[in-house]
Amino acid sequence: MSKKIGLHFGGKRFDIDVDDHFSGFLKEQMSRDFNIEGNNDIKALLQAYIRKNYELYENEKRVAALLEKIEKSFSL
């Protein structure tokens, strides 16, 4: 099942359909990055995109460090 989530950017409403199970998480994240009740400018969208990519970058570094640690523990 899917759920519709909408945001306004540049005076236009954008609706997206997402899985029910993911919608709560997405709404919470979007409320941190955007004004979910009103209009957002394009700059807010770009800033959120960069923030999320930085989080992904940091998470990938942590995963790589954990994998390296696991590999070292198995090679002993």
PDB file of N, CA and C in Angstrom:
ATOM      1  N   MET A   1       0.823  -1.175   0.000  1.00  0.00           N
ATOM      2  CA  MET A   1       0.000   0.000   0.000  1.00  0.00           C
ATOM      3  C   MET A   1       0.874   1.249   0.000  1.00  0.00           C
ATOM      4  N   SER A   2       0.374   2.327  -0.580  1.00  0.00           N
ATOM      5  CA  SER A   2       1.167   3.548  -0.623  1.00  0.00           C
ATOM      6  C   SER A   2       0.423   4.708   0.031  1.00  0.00           C
ATOM      7  N   LYS A   3       1.195   5.710   0.363  1.00  0.00           N
ATOM      8  CA  LYS A   3       0.655   6.901   0.996  1.00  0.00           C
ATOM      9  C   LYS A   3       1.192   8.111   0.239  1.00  0.00           C
ATOM     10  N   LYS A   4       0.363   9.132   0.084  1.00  0.00           N
ATOM     11  CA  LYS A   4       0.752  10.333  -0.645  1.00  0.00           C
ATOM     12  C   LYS A   4       1.271  11.380   0.334  1.00  0.00           C
ATOM     13  N   ILE A   5       2.444  11.939   0.017  1.00  0.00           N
ATOM     14  CA  ILE A   5       3.043  13.007   0.811  1.00  0.00           C
ATOM     15  C   ILE A   5       3.262  14.186  -0.127  1.00  0.00           C
ATOM     16  N   GLY A   6       2.909  15.381   0.336  1.00  0.00           N
ATOM     17  CA  GLY A   6       3.048  16.562  -0.509  1.00  0.00           C
ATOM     18  C   GLY A   6       3.871  17.655   0.138  1.00  0.00           C
ATOM     19  N   LEU A   7       4.604  18.369  -0.694  1.00  0.00           N
ATOM     20  CA  LEU A   7       5.392  19.535  -0.276  1.00  0.00           C
ATOM     21  C   LEU A   7       5.260  20.624  -1.326  1.00  0.00           C
ATOM     22  N   HIS A   8       5.454  21.854  -0.883  1.00  0.00           N
ATOM     23  CA  HIS A   8       5.436  22.993  -1.801  1.00  0.00           C
ATOM     24  C   HIS A   8       6.855  23.521  -2.002  1.00  0.00           C
ATOM     25  N   PHE A   9       7.236  23.660  -3.260  1.00  0.00           N
ATOM     26  CA  PHE A   9       8.521  24.249  -3.635  1.00  0.00           C
ATOM     27  C   PHE A   9       8.274  25.285  -4.707  1.00  0.00           C
ATOM     28  N   GLY A  10       8.782  26.467  -4.472  1.00  0.00           N
ATOM     29  CA  GLY A  10       8.629  27.526  -5.473  1.00  0.00           C
ATOM     30  C   GLY A  10       7.175  27.800  -5.804  1.00  0.00           C
ATOM     31  N   GLY A  11       6.303  27.661  -4.838  1.00  0.00           N
ATOM     32  CA  GLY A  11       4.889  27.933  -5.047  1.00  0.00           C
ATOM     33  C   GLY A  11       4.112  26.819  -5.727  1.00  0.00           C
ATOM     34  N   LYS A  12       4.760  25.702  -6.005  1.00  0.00           N
ATOM     35  CA  LYS A  12       4.083  24.560  -6.639  1.00  0.00           C
ATOM     36  C   LYS A  12       4.040  23.393  -5.667  1.00  0.00           C
ATOM     37  N   ARG A  13       2.931  22.665  -5.692  1.00  0.00           N
ATOM     38  CA  ARG A  13       2.780  21.488  -4.831  1.00  0.00           C
ATOM     39  C   ARG A  13       3.278  20.256  -5.576  1.00  0.00           C
ATOM     40  N   PHE A  14       4.070  19.467  -4.884  1.00  0.00           N
ATOM     41  CA  PHE A  14       4.582  18.219  -5.420  1.00  0.00           C
ATOM     42  C   PHE A  14       4.126  17.093  -4.514  1.00  0.00           C
ATOM     43  N   ASP A  15       3.425  16.120  -5.078  1.00  0.00           N
ATOM     44  CA  ASP A  15       2.949  14.954  -4.337  1.00  0.00           C
ATOM     45  C   ASP A  15       3.740  13.735  -4.764  1.00  0.00           C
ATOM     46  N   ILE A  16       4.111  12.930  -3.783  1.00  0.00           N
ATOM     47  CA  ILE A  16       4.816  11.687  -4.083  1.00  0.00           C
ATOM     48  C   ILE A  16       4.104  10.549  -3.365  1.00  0.00           C
ATOM     49  N   ASP A  17       4.117   9.399  -3.979  1.00  0.00           N
ATOM     50  CA  ASP A  17       3.556   8.195  -3.374  1.00  0.00           C
ATOM     51  C   ASP A  17       4.701   7.360  -2.830  1.00  0.00           C
ATOM     52  N   VAL A  18       4.589   7.007  -1.561  1.00  0.00           N
ATOM     53  CA  VAL A  18       5.612   6.173  -0.938  1.00  0.00           C
ATOM     54  C   VAL A  18       4.936   5.024  -0.196  1.00  0.00           C
ATOM     55  N   ASP A  19       5.696   3.994   0.057  1.00  0.00           N
ATOM     56  CA  ASP A  19       5.207   2.834   0.797  1.00  0.00           C
ATOM     57  C   ASP A  19       4.742   3.266   2.184  1.00  0.00           C
ATOM     58  N   ASP A  20       3.646   2.678   2.638  1.00  0.00           N
ATOM     59  CA  ASP A  20       3.086   2.974   3.959  1.00  0.00           C
ATOM     60  C   ASP A  20       4.125   2.854   5.071  1.00  0.00           C
ATOM     61  N   HIS A  21       4.932   1.804   5.012  1.00  0.00           N
ATOM     62  CA  HIS A  21       5.913   1.549   6.061  1.00  0.00           C
ATOM     63  C   HIS A  21       7.009   2.612   6.085  1.00  0.00           C
ATOM     64  N   PHE A  22       7.297   3.196   4.958  1.00  0.00           N
ATOM     65  CA  PHE A  22       8.356   4.208   4.833  1.00  0.00           C
ATOM     66  C   PHE A  22       7.826   5.616   5.099  1.00  0.00           C
ATOM     67  N   SER A  23       6.540   5.834   4.963  1.00  0.00           N
ATOM     68  CA  SER A  23       5.970   7.179   5.009  1.00  0.00           C
ATOM     69  C   SER A  23       6.207   7.894   6.342  1.00  0.00           C
ATOM     70  N   GLY A  24       6.093   7.199   7.459  1.00  0.00           N
ATOM     71  CA  GLY A  24       6.311   7.828   8.761  1.00  0.00           C
ATOM     72  C   GLY A  24       7.729   8.325   8.920  1.00  0.00           C
ATOM     73  N   PHE A  25       8.673   7.477   8.531  1.00  0.00           N
ATOM     74  CA  PHE A  25      10.083   7.859   8.591  1.00  0.00           C
ATOM     75  C   PHE A  25      10.353   9.054   7.680  1.00  0.00           C
ATOM     76  N   LEU A  26       9.833   8.993   6.455  1.00  0.00           N
ATOM     77  CA  LEU A  26      10.065  10.070   5.498  1.00  0.00           C
ATOM     78  C   LEU A  26       9.466  11.382   5.980  1.00  0.00           C
ATOM     79  N   LYS A  27       8.262  11.339   6.506  1.00  0.00           N
ATOM     80  CA  LYS A  27       7.632  12.560   7.021  1.00  0.00           C
ATOM     81  C   LYS A  27       8.469  13.190   8.126  1.00  0.00           C
ATOM     82  N   GLU A  28       8.977  12.357   9.018  1.00  0.00           N
ATOM     83  CA  GLU A  28       9.805  12.870  10.112  1.00  0.00           C
ATOM     84  C   GLU A  28      11.066  13.529   9.569  1.00  0.00           C
ATOM     85  N   GLN A  29      11.712  12.871   8.619  1.00  0.00           N
ATOM     86  CA  GLN A  29      12.927  13.437   8.026  1.00  0.00           C
ATOM     87  C   GLN A  29      12.631  14.727   7.265  1.00  0.00           C
ATOM     88  N   MET A  30      11.545  14.732   6.520  1.00  0.00           N
ATOM     89  CA  MET A  30      11.187  15.915   5.736  1.00  0.00           C
ATOM     90  C   MET A  30      10.837  17.091   6.639  1.00  0.00           C
ATOM     91  N   SER A  31      10.243  16.814   7.791  1.00  0.00           N
ATOM     92  CA  SER A  31       9.898  17.908   8.709  1.00  0.00           C
ATOM     93  C   SER A  31      11.150  18.548   9.297  1.00  0.00           C
ATOM     94  N   ARG A  32      12.252  17.805   9.320  1.00  0.00           N
ATOM     95  CA  ARG A  32      13.533  18.378   9.773  1.00  0.00           C
ATOM     96  C   ARG A  32      14.158  19.275   8.708  1.00  0.00           C
ATOM     97  N   ASP A  33      13.903  18.945   7.445  1.00  0.00           N
ATOM     98  CA  ASP A  33      14.553  19.658   6.344  1.00  0.00           C
ATOM     99  C   ASP A  33      13.696  20.754   5.719  1.00  0.00           C
ATOM    100  N   PHE A  34      12.379  20.633   5.825  1.00  0.00           N
ATOM    101  CA  PHE A  34      11.498  21.538   5.095  1.00  0.00           C
ATOM    102  C   PHE A  34      10.370  22.061   5.967  1.00  0.00           C
ATOM    103  N   ASN A  35       9.759  23.122   5.486  1.00  0.00           N
ATOM    104  CA  ASN A  35       8.520  23.620   6.062  1.00  0.00           C
ATOM    105  C   ASN A  35       7.415  22.776   5.441  1.00  0.00           C
ATOM    106  N   ILE A  36       6.930  21.792   6.162  1.00  0.00           N
ATOM    107  CA  ILE A  36       5.958  20.865   5.574  1.00  0.00           C
ATOM    108  C   ILE A  36       4.556  21.457   5.498  1.00  0.00           C
ATOM    109  N   GLU A  37       4.335  22.573   6.174  1.00  0.00           N
ATOM    110  CA  GLU A  37       3.019  23.216   6.151  1.00  0.00           C
ATOM    111  C   GLU A  37       2.933  24.352   5.122  1.00  0.00           C
ATOM    112  N   GLY A  38       4.082  24.853   4.672  1.00  0.00           N
ATOM    113  CA  GLY A  38       4.069  25.996   3.768  1.00  0.00           C
ATOM    114  C   GLY A  38       5.013  25.805   2.599  1.00  0.00           C
ATOM    115  N   ASN A  39       5.387  26.918   2.000  1.00  0.00           N
ATOM    116  CA  ASN A  39       6.222  26.912   0.808  1.00  0.00           C
ATOM    117  C   ASN A  39       7.706  26.835   1.185  1.00  0.00           C
ATOM    118  N   ASN A  40       8.466  26.176   0.347  1.00  0.00           N
ATOM    119  CA  ASN A  40       9.919  26.087   0.475  1.00  0.00           C
ATOM    120  C   ASN A  40      10.542  26.645  -0.790  1.00  0.00           C
ATOM    121  N   ASP A  41      11.686  27.290  -0.632  1.00  0.00           N
ATOM    122  CA  ASP A  41      12.364  27.745  -1.840  1.00  0.00           C
ATOM    123  C   ASP A  41      13.307  26.647  -2.338  1.00  0.00           C
ATOM    124  N   ILE A  42      13.795  26.826  -3.528  1.00  0.00           N
ATOM    125  CA  ILE A  42      14.656  25.823  -4.156  1.00  0.00           C
ATOM    126  C   ILE A  42      15.952  25.660  -3.369  1.00  0.00           C
ATOM    127  N   LYS A  43      16.418  26.728  -2.741  1.00  0.00           N
ATOM    128  CA  LYS A  43      17.643  26.666  -1.948  1.00  0.00           C
ATOM    129  C   LYS A  43      17.494  25.657  -0.811  1.00  0.00           C
ATOM    130  N   ALA A  44      16.319  25.589  -0.180  1.00  0.00           N
ATOM    131  CA  ALA A  44      16.075  24.627   0.895  1.00  0.00           C
ATOM    132  C   ALA A  44      16.192  23.198   0.362  1.00  0.00           C
ATOM    133  N   LEU A  45      15.717  22.973  -0.838  1.00  0.00           N
ATOM    134  CA  LEU A  45      15.802  21.648  -1.455  1.00  0.00           C
ATOM    135  C   LEU A  45      17.262  21.270  -1.702  1.00  0.00           C
ATOM    136  N   LEU A  46      18.030  22.193  -2.227  1.00  0.00           N
ATOM    137  CA  LEU A  46      19.445  21.940  -2.490  1.00  0.00           C
ATOM    138  C   LEU A  46      20.196  21.684  -1.182  1.00  0.00           C
ATOM    139  N   GLN A  47      19.919  22.479  -0.157  1.00  0.00           N
ATOM    140  CA  GLN A  47      20.588  22.283   1.132  1.00  0.00           C
ATOM    141  C   GLN A  47      20.254  20.917   1.723  1.00  0.00           C
ATOM    142  N   ALA A  48      19.004  20.507   1.637  1.00  0.00           N
ATOM    143  CA  ALA A  48      18.601  19.197   2.152  1.00  0.00           C
ATOM    144  C   ALA A  48      19.287  18.085   1.367  1.00  0.00           C
ATOM    145  N   TYR A  49      19.387  18.244   0.072  1.00  0.00           N
ATOM    146  CA  TYR A  49      20.054  17.247  -0.771  1.00  0.00           C
ATOM    147  C   TYR A  49      21.516  17.093  -0.360  1.00  0.00           C
ATOM    148  N   ILE A  50      22.178  18.204  -0.158  1.00  0.00           N
ATOM    149  CA  ILE A  50      23.587  18.169   0.233  1.00  0.00           C
ATOM    150  C   ILE A  50      23.737  17.563   1.621  1.00  0.00           C
ATOM    151  N   ARG A  51      22.867  17.947   2.550  1.00  0.00           N
ATOM    152  CA  ARG A  51      22.905  17.388   3.903  1.00  0.00           C
ATOM    153  C   ARG A  51      22.741  15.870   3.883  1.00  0.00           C
ATOM    154  N   LYS A  52      21.769  15.390   3.123  1.00  0.00           N
ATOM    155  CA  LYS A  52      21.512  13.951   3.065  1.00  0.00           C
ATOM    156  C   LYS A  52      22.667  13.201   2.405  1.00  0.00           C
ATOM    157  N   ASN A  53      23.283  13.802   1.399  1.00  0.00           N
ATOM    158  CA  ASN A  53      24.435  13.162   0.773  1.00  0.00           C
ATOM    159  C   ASN A  53      25.631  13.130   1.713  1.00  0.00           C
ATOM    160  N   TYR A  54      25.783  14.156   2.532  1.00  0.00           N
ATOM    161  CA  TYR A  54      26.856  14.146   3.522  1.00  0.00           C
ATOM    162  C   TYR A  54      26.607  13.043   4.552  1.00  0.00           C
ATOM    163  N   GLU A  55      25.361  12.883   4.982  1.00  0.00           N
ATOM    164  CA  GLU A  55      25.022  11.801   5.909  1.00  0.00           C
ATOM    165  C   GLU A  55      25.336  10.445   5.282  1.00  0.00           C
ATOM    166  N   LEU A  56      25.019  10.272   4.012  1.00  0.00           N
ATOM    167  CA  LEU A  56      25.322   9.035   3.303  1.00  0.00           C
ATOM    168  C   LEU A  56      26.828   8.803   3.251  1.00  0.00           C
ATOM    169  N   TYR A  57      27.572   9.846   2.955  1.00  0.00           N
ATOM    170  CA  TYR A  57      29.042   9.780   2.910  1.00  0.00           C
ATOM    171  C   TYR A  57      29.598   9.321   4.258  1.00  0.00           C
ATOM    172  N   GLU A  58      29.133   9.942   5.344  1.00  0.00           N
ATOM    173  CA  GLU A  58      29.589   9.582   6.691  1.00  0.00           C
ATOM    174  C   GLU A  58      29.200   8.143   7.035  1.00  0.00           C
ATOM    175  N   ASN A  59      27.996   7.729   6.686  1.00  0.00           N
ATOM    176  CA  ASN A  59      27.560   6.359   6.957  1.00  0.00           C
ATOM    177  C   ASN A  59      28.393   5.344   6.185  1.00  0.00           C
ATOM    178  N   GLU A  60      28.713   5.644   4.950  1.00  0.00           N
ATOM    179  CA  GLU A  60      29.531   4.730   4.157  1.00  0.00           C
ATOM    180  C   GLU A  60      30.936   4.605   4.737  1.00  0.00           C
ATOM    181  N   LYS A  61      31.478   5.707   5.253  1.00  0.00           N
ATOM    182  CA  LYS A  61      32.790   5.650   5.911  1.00  0.00           C
ATOM    183  C   LYS A  61      32.728   4.771   7.157  1.00  0.00           C
ATOM    184  N   ARG A  62      31.644   4.908   7.944  1.00  0.00           N
ATOM    185  CA  ARG A  62      31.495   4.095   9.155  1.00  0.00           C
ATOM    186  C   ARG A  62      31.347   2.609   8.803  1.00  0.00           C
ATOM    187  N   VAL A  63      30.580   2.314   7.776  1.00  0.00           N
ATOM    188  CA  VAL A  63      30.403   0.922   7.351  1.00  0.00           C
ATOM    189  C   VAL A  63      31.739   0.344   6.889  1.00  0.00           C
ATOM    190  N   ALA A  64      32.497   1.099   6.123  1.00  0.00           N
ATOM    191  CA  ALA A  64      33.802   0.633   5.645  1.00  0.00           C
ATOM    192  C   ALA A  64      34.742   0.376   6.819  1.00  0.00           C
ATOM    193  N   ALA A  65      34.722   1.257   7.823  1.00  0.00           N
ATOM    194  CA  ALA A  65      35.571   1.067   9.002  1.00  0.00           C
ATOM    195  C   ALA A  65      35.146  -0.178   9.778  1.00  0.00           C
ATOM    196  N   LEU A  66      33.855  -0.403   9.913  1.00  0.00           N
ATOM    197  CA  LEU A  66      33.367  -1.600  10.599  1.00  0.00           C
ATOM    198  C   LEU A  66      33.749  -2.869   9.846  1.00  0.00           C
ATOM    199  N   LEU A  67      33.596  -2.835   8.530  1.00  0.00           N
ATOM    200  CA  LEU A  67      33.979  -4.003   7.733  1.00  0.00           C
ATOM    201  C   LEU A  67      35.461  -4.306   7.866  1.00  0.00           C
ATOM    202  N   GLU A  68      36.263  -3.271   7.878  1.00  0.00           N
ATOM    203  CA  GLU A  68      37.704  -3.449   8.035  1.00  0.00           C
ATOM    204  C   GLU A  68      38.009  -4.065   9.404  1.00  0.00           C
ATOM    205  N   LYS A  69      37.329  -3.596  10.424  1.00  0.00           N
ATOM    206  CA  LYS A  69      37.516  -4.125  11.774  1.00  0.00           C
ATOM    207  C   LYS A  69      37.106  -5.600  11.840  1.00  0.00           C
ATOM    208  N   ILE A  70      35.990  -5.939  11.198  1.00  0.00           N
ATOM    209  CA  ILE A  70      35.514  -7.325  11.176  1.00  0.00           C
ATOM    210  C   ILE A  70      36.494  -8.212  10.425  1.00  0.00           C
ATOM    211  N   GLU A  71      36.974  -7.734   9.277  1.00  0.00           N
ATOM    212  CA  GLU A  71      37.929  -8.519   8.496  1.00  0.00           C
ATOM    213  C   GLU A  71      39.217  -8.772   9.283  1.00  0.00           C
ATOM    214  N   LYS A  72      39.672  -7.762  10.023  1.00  0.00           N
ATOM    215  CA  LYS A  72      40.899  -7.941  10.833  1.00  0.00           C
ATOM    216  C   LYS A  72      40.661  -8.952  11.943  1.00  0.00           C
ATOM    217  N   SER A  73      39.479  -8.943  12.529  1.00  0.00           N
ATOM    218  CA  SER A  73      39.217  -9.878  13.630  1.00  0.00           C
ATOM    219  C   SER A  73      39.137 -11.328  13.124  1.00  0.00           C
ATOM    220  N   PHE A  74      38.724 -11.521  11.880  1.00  0.00           N
ATOM    221  CA  PHE A  74      38.656 -12.869  11.322  1.00  0.00           C
ATOM    222  C   PHE A  74      40.003 -13.353  10.811  1.00  0.00           C
ATOM    223  N   SER A  75      40.904 -12.440  10.532  1.00  0.00           N
ATOM    224  CA  SER A  75      42.200 -12.844   9.983  1.00  0.00           C
ATOM    225  C   SER A  75      43.214 -13.150  11.088  1.00  0.00           C
ATOM    226  N   LEU A  76      42.834 -12.989  12.329  1.00  0.00           N
ATOM    227  CA  LEU A  76      43.769 -13.285  13.435  1.00  0.00           C
ATOM    228  C   LEU A  76      43.987 -14.724  13.633  1.00  0.00           C
TER     229      LEU A  76
END
